[in-house]
Amino acid sequence: MAVGQLSQEELDEIYAFAVDLGRKAGKLLMERVDQRISGNGGHSQKFEEKDNSVDIVTQTDEDVEAFISNALKSKYPTHKFLGEETYAKGQSRDYLINEQPTWCIDPLDGTVNYTHLFPMFCVSIGFIVQHRPIIGVIYQPFQNQLFSACSGRGAWLNESRQLPLIRNPSIPPMPPNAPAQCIFSCEWGKDRRDIPDGNLSRKVESFVNLASELGSRGGKGGMVHGVRSLGSATLDLAYTAMGSFDIWWEGGCWEWDVAAGVAILLEAGGLVTTANPPDNIDTAQIEDVRLGSRLYLAIRPAGPSAAETGRESQDRTVREVWRRVRQLEYSRPGA
């Protein structure tokens, strides 16, 4: 399927290059891990703080971004490049993606995990055309998991297992009383300000609503099977594409946190819309997510049941999540 001015053949070539680049960047991440474990090479868990003590950067983040940037600029000099670390050093927080083909990179998503040697960290490579992520590569080197997708070619785990993993005899529908019987994924985020009714308190209230028994908390109790927080937005999306997570809800992510994951989840058949509930939950249109909005609600791929189509079960789940979560406040110039 051609996208914009790119043919399927061109997309396939870009996709193959991105997969190879993701593996090479992941290998570099693991080399640094091995040096830390062995005590050789001088690479420690030292880091610098950016906006606060949980928004951090290591030398590895910067080195891997430079490696990816150089490779992309050499191969595709006319494409735009947007990386987390180069963006973070700029003065503007404007949304910078436009109609131009753009590589959106997080060289090390899950930096806090990386510093603690918790294995949920990865390299994330997204390719965007006309504001739409159409190629995604996420390589989690500690567990050798490669998630990838190209528009029109499906989404894959390690290039051999199609996502979602459970698809025979069909992809399961969302549970009839979702969010009950669902695995709910969320993140605490970097906004830790203890402000009455601020983002942190609204998130915590939403988490508790979804976890509480059905009928509790004024009818907002969701009784999800479990709550998971991987510490990596892009891996949250990959696991949702895999079908291991049913729902992911988050505010505050930047486009490099989600571009690759959104591409993979959409190609797998998932749904991604806004985290914030609309004024009229029952009748509001469920629109595709705006990449720069920093507000995300993702639902895993879903098949049909006797009562509804897969998309109908996804839409129903979106509305039931909206009933239980609070509005989050994240502004973004130019989004």
C-alpha atoms as a PDB file:
ATOM      1  CA  MET A   1       0.000   0.000   0.000  1.00  0.00           C
ATOM      2  CA  ALA A   2       1.552   3.265  -1.103  1.00  0.00           C
ATOM      3  CA  VAL A   3       1.678   6.074   1.474  1.00  0.00           C
ATOM      4  CA  GLY A   4       2.014   9.657   0.313  1.00  0.00           C
ATOM      5  CA  GLN A   5       4.688   9.772  -2.382  1.00  0.00           C
ATOM      6  CA  LEU A   6       6.222   6.465  -1.245  1.00  0.00           C
ATOM      7  CA  SER A   7       5.462   3.192  -3.028  1.00  0.00           C
ATOM      8  CA  GLN A   8       5.123  -0.103  -1.186  1.00  0.00           C
ATOM      9  CA  GLU A   9       8.508  -1.112  -2.583  1.00  0.00           C
ATOM     10  CA  GLU A  10      10.092   2.027  -1.127  1.00  0.00           C
ATOM     11  CA  LEU A  11       8.368   1.439   2.203  1.00  0.00           C
ATOM     12  CA  ASP A  12       9.629  -2.147   2.300  1.00  0.00           C
ATOM     13  CA  GLU A  13      13.199  -0.936   1.731  1.00  0.00           C
ATOM     14  CA  ILE A  14      12.889   1.690   4.473  1.00  0.00           C
ATOM     15  CA  TYR A  15      11.388  -0.899   6.809  1.00  0.00           C
ATOM     16  CA  ALA A  16      14.243  -3.365   6.237  1.00  0.00           C
ATOM     17  CA  PHE A  17      16.758  -0.609   6.924  1.00  0.00           C
ATOM     18  CA  ALA A  18      14.930   0.390  10.136  1.00  0.00           C
ATOM     19  CA  VAL A  19      14.867  -3.203  11.422  1.00  0.00           C
ATOM     20  CA  ASP A  20      18.596  -3.600  10.809  1.00  0.00           C
ATOM     21  CA  LEU A  21      19.311  -0.237  12.428  1.00  0.00           C
ATOM     22  CA  GLY A  22      17.199  -1.121  15.465  1.00  0.00           C
ATOM     23  CA  ARG A  23      19.105  -4.350  15.994  1.00  0.00           C
ATOM     24  CA  LYS A  24      22.455  -2.575  15.696  1.00  0.00           C
ATOM     25  CA  ALA A  25      21.412   0.151  18.130  1.00  0.00           C
ATOM     26  CA  GLY A  26      20.125  -2.476  20.562  1.00  0.00           C
ATOM     27  CA  LYS A  27      23.444  -4.284  20.330  1.00  0.00           C
ATOM     28  CA  LEU A  28      25.158  -1.054  21.337  1.00  0.00           C
ATOM     29  CA  LEU A  29      22.837  -0.757  24.337  1.00  0.00           C
ATOM     30  CA  MET A  30      23.722  -4.276  25.441  1.00  0.00           C
ATOM     31  CA  GLU A  31      27.434  -3.649  24.981  1.00  0.00           C
ATOM     32  CA  ARG A  32      27.119  -0.820  27.492  1.00  0.00           C
ATOM     33  CA  VAL A  33      25.127  -3.067  29.844  1.00  0.00           C
ATOM     34  CA  ASP A  34      27.803  -5.765  29.629  1.00  0.00           C
ATOM     35  CA  GLN A  35      30.525  -3.193  30.320  1.00  0.00           C
ATOM     36  CA  ARG A  36      28.677  -2.044  33.419  1.00  0.00           C
ATOM     37  CA  ILE A  37      28.194  -5.607  34.652  1.00  0.00           C
ATOM     38  CA  SER A  38      31.824  -6.521  34.092  1.00  0.00           C
ATOM     39  CA  GLY A  39      33.199  -3.230  35.382  1.00  0.00           C
ATOM     40  CA  ASN A  40      35.115  -2.646  32.150  1.00  0.00           C
ATOM     41  CA  GLY A  41      34.907   0.312  29.821  1.00  0.00           C
ATOM     42  CA  GLY A  42      34.081   2.959  32.379  1.00  0.00           C
ATOM     43  CA  HIS A  43      30.327   2.955  31.687  1.00  0.00           C
ATOM     44  CA  SER A  44      28.385   3.371  34.912  1.00  0.00           C
ATOM     45  CA  GLN A  45      24.802   4.163  35.811  1.00  0.00           C
ATOM     46  CA  LYS A  46      25.642   7.883  36.121  1.00  0.00           C
ATOM     47  CA  PHE A  47      23.039  10.180  34.649  1.00  0.00           C
ATOM     48  CA  GLU A  48      22.045  13.808  34.398  1.00  0.00           C
ATOM     49  CA  GLU A  49      18.650  15.211  35.313  1.00  0.00           C
ATOM     50  CA  LYS A  50      16.654  17.151  32.725  1.00  0.00           C
ATOM     51  CA  ASP A  51      13.341  18.560  33.994  1.00  0.00           C
ATOM     52  CA  ASN A  52      13.377  16.621  37.290  1.00  0.00           C
ATOM     53  CA  SER A  53      14.876  13.616  39.064  1.00  0.00           C
ATOM     54  CA  VAL A  54      12.889  11.049  37.048  1.00  0.00           C
ATOM     55  CA  ASP A  55      13.537  12.766  33.700  1.00  0.00           C
ATOM     56  CA  ILE A  56      17.111  11.690  33.128  1.00  0.00           C
ATOM     57  CA  VAL A  57      19.680  11.145  30.388  1.00  0.00           C
ATOM     58  CA  THR A  58      22.802   8.982  30.291  1.00  0.00           C
ATOM     59  CA  GLN A  59      25.781   9.083  27.981  1.00  0.00           C
ATOM     60  CA  THR A  60      24.375   5.937  26.396  1.00  0.00           C
ATOM     61  CA  ASP A  61      21.184   7.781  25.360  1.00  0.00           C
ATOM     62  CA  GLU A  62      23.266  10.388  23.569  1.00  0.00           C
ATOM     63  CA  ASP A  63      25.720   7.957  21.988  1.00  0.00           C
ATOM     64  CA  VAL A  64      22.981   5.693  20.618  1.00  0.00           C
ATOM     65  CA  GLU A  65      21.035   8.664  19.268  1.00  0.00           C
ATOM     66  CA  ALA A  66      24.165   9.926  17.510  1.00  0.00           C
ATOM     67  CA  PHE A  67      24.726   6.458  16.019  1.00  0.00           C
ATOM     68  CA  ILE A  68      21.144   6.287  14.700  1.00  0.00           C
ATOM     69  CA  SER A  69      21.148   9.881  13.490  1.00  0.00           C
ATOM     70  CA  ASN A  70      24.363   9.453  11.521  1.00  0.00           C
ATOM     71  CA  ALA A  71      23.106   6.261   9.891  1.00  0.00           C
ATOM     72  CA  LEU A  72      19.776   7.817   8.892  1.00  0.00           C
ATOM     73  CA  LYS A  73      21.251  11.059   7.597  1.00  0.00           C
ATOM     74  CA  SER A  74      23.711   9.109   5.493  1.00  0.00           C
ATOM     75  CA  LYS A  75      21.043   6.798   4.037  1.00  0.00           C
ATOM     76  CA  TYR A  76      18.124   9.264   3.802  1.00  0.00           C
ATOM     77  CA  PRO A  77      19.551  12.800   3.703  1.00  0.00           C
ATOM     78  CA  THR A  78      16.237  14.351   2.584  1.00  0.00           C
ATOM     79  CA  HIS A  79      14.273  12.916   5.492  1.00  0.00           C
ATOM     80  CA  LYS A  80      13.707  14.890   8.680  1.00  0.00           C
ATOM     81  CA  PHE A  81      15.178  13.591  11.951  1.00  0.00           C
ATOM     82  CA  LEU A  82      13.650  14.122  15.393  1.00  0.00           C
ATOM     83  CA  GLY A  83      15.382  12.506  18.358  1.00  0.00           C
ATOM     84  CA  GLU A  84      14.605  12.851  22.042  1.00  0.00           C
ATOM     85  CA  GLU A  85      18.020  14.058  23.157  1.00  0.00           C
ATOM     86  CA  THR A  86      18.582  16.589  20.378  1.00  0.00           C
ATOM     87  CA  TYR A  87      15.048  17.903  20.913  1.00  0.00           C
ATOM     88  CA  ALA A  88      15.534  18.097  24.687  1.00  0.00           C
ATOM     89  CA  LYS A  89      18.587  20.335  24.233  1.00  0.00           C
ATOM     90  CA  GLY A  90      16.607  22.825  22.132  1.00  0.00           C
ATOM     91  CA  GLN A  91      14.788  25.833  23.507  1.00  0.00           C
ATOM     92  CA  SER A  92      11.383  25.099  21.990  1.00  0.00           C
ATOM     93  CA  ARG A  93       8.759  22.552  23.037  1.00  0.00           C
ATOM     94  CA  ASP A  94       6.742  23.084  19.862  1.00  0.00           C
ATOM     95  CA  TYR A  95       5.393  20.170  17.862  1.00  0.00           C
ATOM     96  CA  LEU A  96       7.889  19.844  15.031  1.00  0.00           C
ATOM     97  CA  ILE A  97       6.469  17.071  12.825  1.00  0.00           C
ATOM     98  CA  ASN A  98       5.091  18.273   9.483  1.00  0.00           C
ATOM     99  CA  GLU A  99       4.241  16.763   6.098  1.00  0.00           C
ATOM    100  CA  GLN A 100       7.872  15.817   5.438  1.00  0.00           C
ATOM    101  CA  PRO A 101       8.899  12.146   5.910  1.00  0.00           C
ATOM    102  CA  THR A 102      10.261  12.110   9.460  1.00  0.00           C
ATOM    103  CA  TRP A 103      12.231   9.685  11.578  1.00  0.00           C
ATOM    104  CA  CYS A 104      11.140   9.928  15.217  1.00  0.00           C
ATOM    105  CA  ILE A 105      13.641   8.278  17.545  1.00  0.00           C
ATOM    106  CA  ASP A 106      13.985   7.411  21.195  1.00  0.00           C
ATOM    107  CA  PRO A 107      17.481   5.911  21.484  1.00  0.00           C
ATOM    108  CA  LEU A 108      16.805   4.535  24.947  1.00  0.00           C
ATOM    109  CA  ASP A 109      13.191   4.404  26.076  1.00  0.00           C
ATOM    110  CA  GLY A 110      13.130   3.400  29.711  1.00  0.00           C
ATOM    111  CA  THR A 111      16.294   5.202  30.805  1.00  0.00           C
ATOM    112  CA  VAL A 112      15.379   4.869  34.488  1.00  0.00           C
ATOM    113  CA  ASN A 113      14.966   1.114  33.951  1.00  0.00           C
ATOM    114  CA  TYR A 114      18.329   1.022  32.187  1.00  0.00           C
ATOM    115  CA  THR A 115      20.122   2.709  35.088  1.00  0.00           C
ATOM    116  CA  HIS A 116      18.672   0.108  37.461  1.00  0.00           C
ATOM    117  CA  LEU A 117      19.263  -2.799  35.028  1.00  0.00           C
ATOM    118  CA  PHE A 118      15.546  -3.532  34.949  1.00  0.00           C
ATOM    119  CA  PRO A 119      15.287  -5.151  31.511  1.00  0.00           C
ATOM    120  CA  MET A 120      12.337  -3.112  30.193  1.00  0.00           C
ATOM    121  CA  PHE A 121      14.319  -0.664  28.075  1.00  0.00           C
ATOM    122  CA  CYS A 122      14.581  -0.468  24.319  1.00  0.00           C
ATOM    123  CA  VAL A 123      15.464   1.475  21.214  1.00  0.00           C
ATOM    124  CA  SER A 124      12.434   2.935  19.433  1.00  0.00           C
ATOM    125  CA  ILE A 125      12.445   3.949  15.760  1.00  0.00           C
ATOM    126  CA  GLY A 126       9.339   5.396  14.142  1.00  0.00           C
ATOM    127  CA  PHE A 127       8.914   6.620  10.569  1.00  0.00           C
ATOM    128  CA  ILE A 128       6.154   9.167   9.986  1.00  0.00           C
ATOM    129  CA  VAL A 129       4.599  10.344   6.728  1.00  0.00           C
ATOM    130  CA  GLN A 130       1.947  13.082   6.680  1.00  0.00           C
ATOM    131  CA  HIS A 131       1.674  12.983  10.490  1.00  0.00           C
ATOM    132  CA  ARG A 132       0.960   9.232  10.477  1.00  0.00           C
ATOM    133  CA  PRO A 133       3.391   6.656  11.926  1.00  0.00           C
ATOM    134  CA  ILE A 134       3.663   3.991   9.220  1.00  0.00           C
ATOM    135  CA  ILE A 135       6.818   2.093  10.224  1.00  0.00           C
ATOM    136  CA  GLY A 136       7.771   1.109  13.748  1.00  0.00           C
ATOM    137  CA  VAL A 137      10.733  -0.814  15.134  1.00  0.00           C
ATOM    138  CA  ILE A 138      11.146  -1.467  18.861  1.00  0.00           C
ATOM    139  CA  TYR A 139      14.057  -3.610  19.969  1.00  0.00           C
ATOM    140  CA  GLN A 140      14.261  -4.711  23.588  1.00  0.00           C
ATOM    141  CA  PRO A 141      17.776  -6.200  23.632  1.00  0.00           C
ATOM    142  CA  PHE A 142      17.898  -7.627  27.156  1.00  0.00           C
ATOM    143  CA  GLN A 143      15.182 -10.136  26.230  1.00  0.00           C
ATOM    144  CA  ASN A 144      15.905 -10.109  22.501  1.00  0.00           C
ATOM    145  CA  GLN A 145      12.400  -9.007  21.568  1.00  0.00           C
ATOM    146  CA  LEU A 146      12.009  -7.170  18.268  1.00  0.00           C
ATOM    147  CA  PHE A 147       8.596  -5.636  17.567  1.00  0.00           C
ATOM    148  CA  SER A 148       8.163  -4.263  14.061  1.00  0.00           C
ATOM    149  CA  ALA A 149       5.549  -3.169  11.556  1.00  0.00           C
ATOM    150  CA  CYS A 150       5.266  -1.584   8.130  1.00  0.00           C
ATOM    151  CA  SER A 151       2.008  -0.258   6.724  1.00  0.00           C
ATOM    152  CA  GLY A 152       0.431  -2.984   4.625  1.00  0.00           C
ATOM    153  CA  ARG A 153       2.780  -5.717   5.888  1.00  0.00           C
ATOM    154  CA  GLY A 154       1.417  -6.584   9.321  1.00  0.00           C
ATOM    155  CA  ALA A 155       2.982  -6.330  12.770  1.00  0.00           C
ATOM    156  CA  TRP A 156       5.479  -8.886  14.035  1.00  0.00           C
ATOM    157  CA  LEU A 157       7.430 -10.196  17.004  1.00  0.00           C
ATOM    158  CA  ASN A 158      10.972 -11.196  16.040  1.00  0.00           C
ATOM    159  CA  GLU A 159       9.883 -11.120  12.373  1.00  0.00           C
ATOM    160  CA  SER A 160       8.275 -14.547  12.766  1.00  0.00           C
ATOM    161  CA  ARG A 161       5.156 -14.309  14.953  1.00  0.00           C
ATOM    162  CA  GLN A 162       2.358 -12.076  13.723  1.00  0.00           C
ATOM    163  CA  LEU A 163       0.733  -9.741  16.214  1.00  0.00           C
ATOM    164  CA  PRO A 164      -1.474 -10.129  18.092  1.00  0.00           C
ATOM    165  CA  LEU A 165      -0.146 -13.494  19.153  1.00  0.00           C
ATOM    166  CA  ILE A 166      -3.541 -15.133  19.729  1.00  0.00           C
ATOM    167  CA  ARG A 167      -5.349 -15.174  16.378  1.00  0.00           C
ATOM    168  CA  ASN A 168      -6.598 -18.751  15.892  1.00  0.00           C
ATOM    169  CA  PRO A 169      -9.386 -19.523  15.344  1.00  0.00           C
ATOM    170  CA  SER A 170      -9.763 -15.732  15.596  1.00  0.00           C
ATOM    171  CA  ILE A 171      -8.479 -12.749  17.542  1.00  0.00           C
ATOM    172  CA  PRO A 172     -10.401 -12.614  20.850  1.00  0.00           C
ATOM    173  CA  PRO A 173     -12.952  -9.826  21.268  1.00  0.00           C
ATOM    174  CA  MET A 174     -12.704  -7.437  24.185  1.00  0.00           C
ATOM    175  CA  PRO A 175     -14.383  -8.851  27.311  1.00  0.00           C
ATOM    176  CA  PRO A 176     -18.132  -8.112  27.392  1.00  0.00           C
ATOM    177  CA  ASN A 177     -17.814  -6.181  30.668  1.00  0.00           C
ATOM    178  CA  ALA A 178     -14.474  -4.477  29.907  1.00  0.00           C
ATOM    179  CA  PRO A 179     -12.489  -2.999  31.603  1.00  0.00           C
ATOM    180  CA  ALA A 180     -13.258  -5.927  33.894  1.00  0.00           C
ATOM    181  CA  GLN A 181     -11.186  -8.992  32.931  1.00  0.00           C
ATOM    182  CA  CYS A 182      -8.606  -6.714  31.264  1.00  0.00           C
ATOM    183  CA  ILE A 183      -4.946  -6.058  31.967  1.00  0.00           C
ATOM    184  CA  PHE A 184      -4.640  -2.299  32.343  1.00  0.00           C
ATOM    185  CA  SER A 185      -1.301  -0.634  31.627  1.00  0.00           C
ATOM    186  CA  CYS A 186      -0.362   2.840  32.848  1.00  0.00           C
ATOM    187  CA  GLU A 187       2.634   4.955  33.828  1.00  0.00           C
ATOM    188  CA  TRP A 188       3.272   7.388  36.662  1.00  0.00           C
ATOM    189  CA  GLY A 189       4.962   9.790  34.245  1.00  0.00           C
ATOM    190  CA  LYS A 190       7.424  12.580  34.894  1.00  0.00           C
ATOM    191  CA  ASP A 191       4.996  15.142  36.320  1.00  0.00           C
ATOM    192  CA  ARG A 192       5.324  14.337  40.033  1.00  0.00           C
ATOM    193  CA  ARG A 193       4.225  17.720  41.388  1.00  0.00           C
ATOM    194  CA  ASP A 194       2.091  17.253  44.492  1.00  0.00           C
ATOM    195  CA  ILE A 195      -0.572  19.731  43.411  1.00  0.00           C
ATOM    196  CA  PRO A 196      -4.173  19.341  44.608  1.00  0.00           C
ATOM    197  CA  ASP A 197      -6.125  17.959  41.642  1.00  0.00           C
ATOM    198  CA  GLY A 198      -2.966  18.055  39.476  1.00  0.00           C
ATOM    199  CA  ASN A 199      -1.998  15.461  36.878  1.00  0.00           C
ATOM    200  CA  LEU A 200      -0.422  13.096  39.406  1.00  0.00           C
ATOM    201  CA  SER A 201      -3.452  13.028  41.704  1.00  0.00           C
ATOM    202  CA  ARG A 202      -5.796  12.662  38.717  1.00  0.00           C
ATOM    203  CA  LYS A 203      -3.771   9.717  37.445  1.00  0.00           C
ATOM    204  CA  VAL A 204      -3.794   8.008  40.844  1.00  0.00           C
ATOM    205  CA  GLU A 205      -7.552   8.492  41.152  1.00  0.00           C
ATOM    206  CA  SER A 206      -8.019   7.005  37.675  1.00  0.00           C
ATOM    207  CA  PHE A 207      -5.768   4.032  38.473  1.00  0.00           C
ATOM    208  CA  VAL A 208      -7.738   3.293  41.647  1.00  0.00           C
ATOM    209  CA  ASN A 209     -11.063   3.616  39.814  1.00  0.00           C
ATOM    210  CA  LEU A 210     -10.012   1.014  37.253  1.00  0.00           C
ATOM    211  CA  ALA A 211      -8.607  -1.348  39.887  1.00  0.00           C
ATOM    212  CA  SER A 212     -11.501  -1.158  42.374  1.00  0.00           C
ATOM    213  CA  GLU A 213     -14.314  -3.698  42.564  1.00  0.00           C
ATOM    214  CA  LEU A 214     -17.258  -3.296  40.206  1.00  0.00           C
ATOM    215  CA  GLY A 215     -19.916  -0.943  41.503  1.00  0.00           C
ATOM    216  CA  SER A 216     -17.576   0.780  43.933  1.00  0.00           C
ATOM    217  CA  ARG A 217     -16.399   4.407  43.845  1.00  0.00           C
ATOM    218  CA  GLY A 218     -19.763   5.728  42.720  1.00  0.00           C
ATOM    219  CA  GLY A 219     -20.001   3.214  39.887  1.00  0.00           C
ATOM    220  CA  LYS A 220     -16.507   3.915  38.549  1.00  0.00           C
ATOM    221  CA  GLY A 221     -14.916   0.701  39.834  1.00  0.00           C
ATOM    222  CA  GLY A 222     -13.538  -1.232  36.855  1.00  0.00           C
ATOM    223  CA  MET A 223     -12.241  -4.429  38.502  1.00  0.00           C
ATOM    224  CA  VAL A 224      -9.448  -4.935  35.969  1.00  0.00           C
ATOM    225  CA  HIS A 225      -7.540  -8.197  36.237  1.00  0.00           C
ATOM    226  CA  GLY A 226      -4.329  -6.324  36.946  1.00  0.00           C
ATOM    227  CA  VAL A 227      -2.410  -3.062  36.608  1.00  0.00           C
ATOM    228  CA  ARG A 228       0.996  -3.057  34.902  1.00  0.00           C
ATOM    229  CA  SER A 229       3.622  -0.335  34.602  1.00  0.00           C
ATOM    230  CA  LEU A 230       6.693  -1.200  32.518  1.00  0.00           C
ATOM    231  CA  GLY A 231       8.382   2.201  32.710  1.00  0.00           C
ATOM    232  CA  SER A 232       8.498   2.431  28.906  1.00  0.00           C
ATOM    233  CA  ALA A 233       5.612   3.870  26.912  1.00  0.00           C
ATOM    234  CA  THR A 234       6.751   2.314  23.657  1.00  0.00           C
ATOM    235  CA  LEU A 235       6.968  -1.140  25.231  1.00  0.00           C
ATOM    236  CA  ASP A 236       3.514  -0.628  26.760  1.00  0.00           C
ATOM    237  CA  LEU A 237       2.232  -0.126  23.210  1.00  0.00           C
ATOM    238  CA  ALA A 238       4.175  -3.118  21.889  1.00  0.00           C
ATOM    239  CA  TYR A 239       2.679  -5.380  24.565  1.00  0.00           C
ATOM    240  CA  THR A 240      -0.772  -4.006  23.729  1.00  0.00           C
ATOM    241  CA  ALA A 241      -0.176  -4.901  20.079  1.00  0.00           C
ATOM    242  CA  MET A 242       0.912  -8.360  21.226  1.00  0.00           C
ATOM    243  CA  GLY A 243      -2.393  -8.730  23.095  1.00  0.00           C
ATOM    244  CA  SER A 244      -0.715  -9.103  26.489  1.00  0.00           C
ATOM    245  CA  PHE A 245      -2.118  -5.752  27.639  1.00  0.00           C
ATOM    246  CA  ASP A 246      -5.746  -4.955  26.842  1.00  0.00           C
ATOM    247  CA  ILE A 247      -5.737  -1.222  27.647  1.00  0.00           C
ATOM    248  CA  TRP A 248      -3.061   1.453  27.912  1.00  0.00           C
ATOM    249  CA  TRP A 249      -3.903   4.932  29.237  1.00  0.00           C
ATOM    250  CA  GLU A 250      -1.364   7.727  29.573  1.00  0.00           C
ATOM    251  CA  GLY A 251      -0.763  11.468  29.411  1.00  0.00           C
ATOM    252  CA  GLY A 252       2.508  13.334  29.062  1.00  0.00           C
ATOM    253  CA  CYS A 253       4.306  11.274  26.425  1.00  0.00           C
ATOM    254  CA  TRP A 254       6.221  12.941  23.612  1.00  0.00           C
ATOM    255  CA  GLU A 255       6.058  11.710  20.032  1.00  0.00           C
ATOM    256  CA  TRP A 256       9.349   9.758  20.220  1.00  0.00           C
ATOM    257  CA  ASP A 257       7.877   7.850  23.182  1.00  0.00           C
ATOM    258  CA  VAL A 258       4.997   6.540  21.087  1.00  0.00           C
ATOM    259  CA  ALA A 259       5.598   6.863  17.315  1.00  0.00           C
ATOM    260  CA  ALA A 260       6.988   3.368  16.783  1.00  0.00           C
ATOM    261  CA  GLY A 261       4.528   1.782  19.207  1.00  0.00           C
ATOM    262  CA  VAL A 262       1.532   3.474  17.595  1.00  0.00           C
ATOM    263  CA  ALA A 263       2.660   2.277  14.153  1.00  0.00           C
ATOM    264  CA  ILE A 264       2.941  -1.302  15.413  1.00  0.00           C
ATOM    265  CA  LEU A 265      -0.336  -1.298  17.343  1.00  0.00           C
ATOM    266  CA  LEU A 266      -2.336   0.188  14.474  1.00  0.00           C
ATOM    267  CA  GLU A 267      -0.891  -2.272  11.970  1.00  0.00           C
ATOM    268  CA  ALA A 268      -1.770  -5.119  14.366  1.00  0.00           C
ATOM    269  CA  GLY A 269      -5.396  -3.925  14.417  1.00  0.00           C
ATOM    270  CA  GLY A 270      -5.416  -1.933  17.645  1.00  0.00           C
ATOM    271  CA  LEU A 271      -7.037   1.402  18.325  1.00  0.00           C
ATOM    272  CA  VAL A 272      -5.375   4.572  19.626  1.00  0.00           C
ATOM    273  CA  THR A 273      -7.403   7.630  20.626  1.00  0.00           C
ATOM    274  CA  THR A 274      -7.232  10.406  23.220  1.00  0.00           C
ATOM    275  CA  ALA A 275      -6.860   9.715  26.928  1.00  0.00           C
ATOM    276  CA  ASN A 276      -9.218  12.517  27.917  1.00  0.00           C
ATOM    277  CA  PRO A 277     -12.942  11.793  28.211  1.00  0.00           C
ATOM    278  CA  PRO A 278     -15.159  14.060  26.078  1.00  0.00           C
ATOM    279  CA  ASP A 279     -18.110  16.028  27.387  1.00  0.00           C
ATOM    280  CA  ASN A 280     -20.602  13.466  26.097  1.00  0.00           C
ATOM    281  CA  ILE A 281     -19.019  10.044  26.451  1.00  0.00           C
ATOM    282  CA  ASP A 282     -21.956   8.149  24.945  1.00  0.00           C
ATOM    283  CA  THR A 283     -22.148  10.041  21.653  1.00  0.00           C
ATOM    284  CA  ALA A 284     -18.684  11.549  21.069  1.00  0.00           C
ATOM    285  CA  GLN A 285     -16.847  10.324  17.987  1.00  0.00           C
ATOM    286  CA  ILE A 286     -13.845   8.146  18.765  1.00  0.00           C
ATOM    287  CA  GLU A 287     -11.191   9.874  16.702  1.00  0.00           C
ATOM    288  CA  ASP A 288      -7.709   8.709  15.788  1.00  0.00           C
ATOM    289  CA  VAL A 289      -5.043   9.980  18.149  1.00  0.00           C
ATOM    290  CA  ARG A 290      -3.223  13.232  17.363  1.00  0.00           C
ATOM    291  CA  LEU A 291       0.438  12.295  17.611  1.00  0.00           C
ATOM    292  CA  GLY A 292       1.567  15.525  19.267  1.00  0.00           C
ATOM    293  CA  SER A 293      -1.275  15.725  21.761  1.00  0.00           C
ATOM    294  CA  ARG A 294       0.568  13.852  24.549  1.00  0.00           C
ATOM    295  CA  LEU A 295      -2.708  12.100  25.501  1.00  0.00           C
ATOM    296  CA  TYR A 296      -3.178   8.421  24.639  1.00  0.00           C
ATOM    297  CA  LEU A 297      -5.684   5.626  25.153  1.00  0.00           C
ATOM    298  CA  ALA A 298      -4.825   2.393  23.364  1.00  0.00           C
ATOM    299  CA  ILE A 299      -6.928  -0.749  23.010  1.00  0.00           C
ATOM    300  CA  ARG A 300      -5.521  -4.081  21.854  1.00  0.00           C
ATOM    301  CA  PRO A 301      -6.547  -5.734  18.578  1.00  0.00           C
ATOM    302  CA  ALA A 302      -9.975  -7.339  18.919  1.00  0.00           C
ATOM    303  CA  GLY A 303     -11.950  -9.838  16.900  1.00  0.00           C
ATOM    304  CA  PRO A 304     -15.709 -10.218  16.567  1.00  0.00           C
ATOM    305  CA  SER A 305     -18.074 -11.879  19.008  1.00  0.00           C
ATOM    306  CA  ALA A 306     -21.626 -13.102  18.457  1.00  0.00           C
ATOM    307  CA  ALA A 307     -22.917  -9.708  19.572  1.00  0.00           C
ATOM    308  CA  GLU A 308     -20.542  -7.154  17.993  1.00  0.00           C
ATOM    309  CA  THR A 309     -17.633  -6.565  15.663  1.00  0.00           C
ATOM    310  CA  GLY A 310     -14.107  -6.223  16.948  1.00  0.00           C
ATOM    311  CA  ARG A 311     -14.171  -2.455  16.392  1.00  0.00           C
ATOM    312  CA  GLU A 312     -17.456  -2.187  18.247  1.00  0.00           C
ATOM    313  CA  SER A 313     -15.926  -3.981  21.232  1.00  0.00           C
ATOM    314  CA  GLN A 314     -12.921  -1.622  21.109  1.00  0.00           C
ATOM    315  CA  ASP A 315     -15.183   1.438  20.969  1.00  0.00           C
ATOM    316  CA  ARG A 316     -17.248   0.122  23.873  1.00  0.00           C
ATOM    317  CA  THR A 317     -14.085  -0.367  25.926  1.00  0.00           C
ATOM    318  CA  VAL A 318     -12.883   3.155  25.122  1.00  0.00           C
ATOM    319  CA  ARG A 319     -16.137   4.633  26.434  1.00  0.00           C
ATOM    320  CA  GLU A 320     -16.021   2.517  29.602  1.00  0.00           C
ATOM    321  CA  VAL A 321     -12.439   3.642  30.291  1.00  0.00           C
ATOM    322  CA  TRP A 322     -13.429   7.269  29.681  1.00  0.00           C
ATOM    323  CA  ARG A 323     -16.169   6.897  32.327  1.00  0.00           C
ATOM    324  CA  ARG A 324     -13.537   5.978  34.917  1.00  0.00           C
ATOM    325  CA  VAL A 325     -10.628   8.344  34.231  1.00  0.00           C
ATOM    326  CA  ARG A 326      -9.964  12.007  34.932  1.00  0.00           C
ATOM    327  CA  GLN A 327      -9.139  14.722  32.422  1.00  0.00           C
ATOM    328  CA  LEU A 328      -5.377  15.309  32.218  1.00  0.00           C
ATOM    329  CA  GLU A 329      -3.770  18.676  31.518  1.00  0.00           C
ATOM    330  CA  TYR A 330      -0.871  18.600  29.041  1.00  0.00           C
ATOM    331  CA  SER A 331      -0.482  21.534  26.691  1.00  0.00           C
ATOM    332  CA  ARG A 332       1.633  21.506  23.541  1.00  0.00           C
ATOM    333  CA  PRO A 333       2.363  24.460  21.233  1.00  0.00           C
ATOM    334  CA  GLY A 334       1.670  23.594  17.618  1.00  0.00           C
ATOM    335  CA  ALA A 335       0.191  20.147  18.234  1.00  0.00           C
END
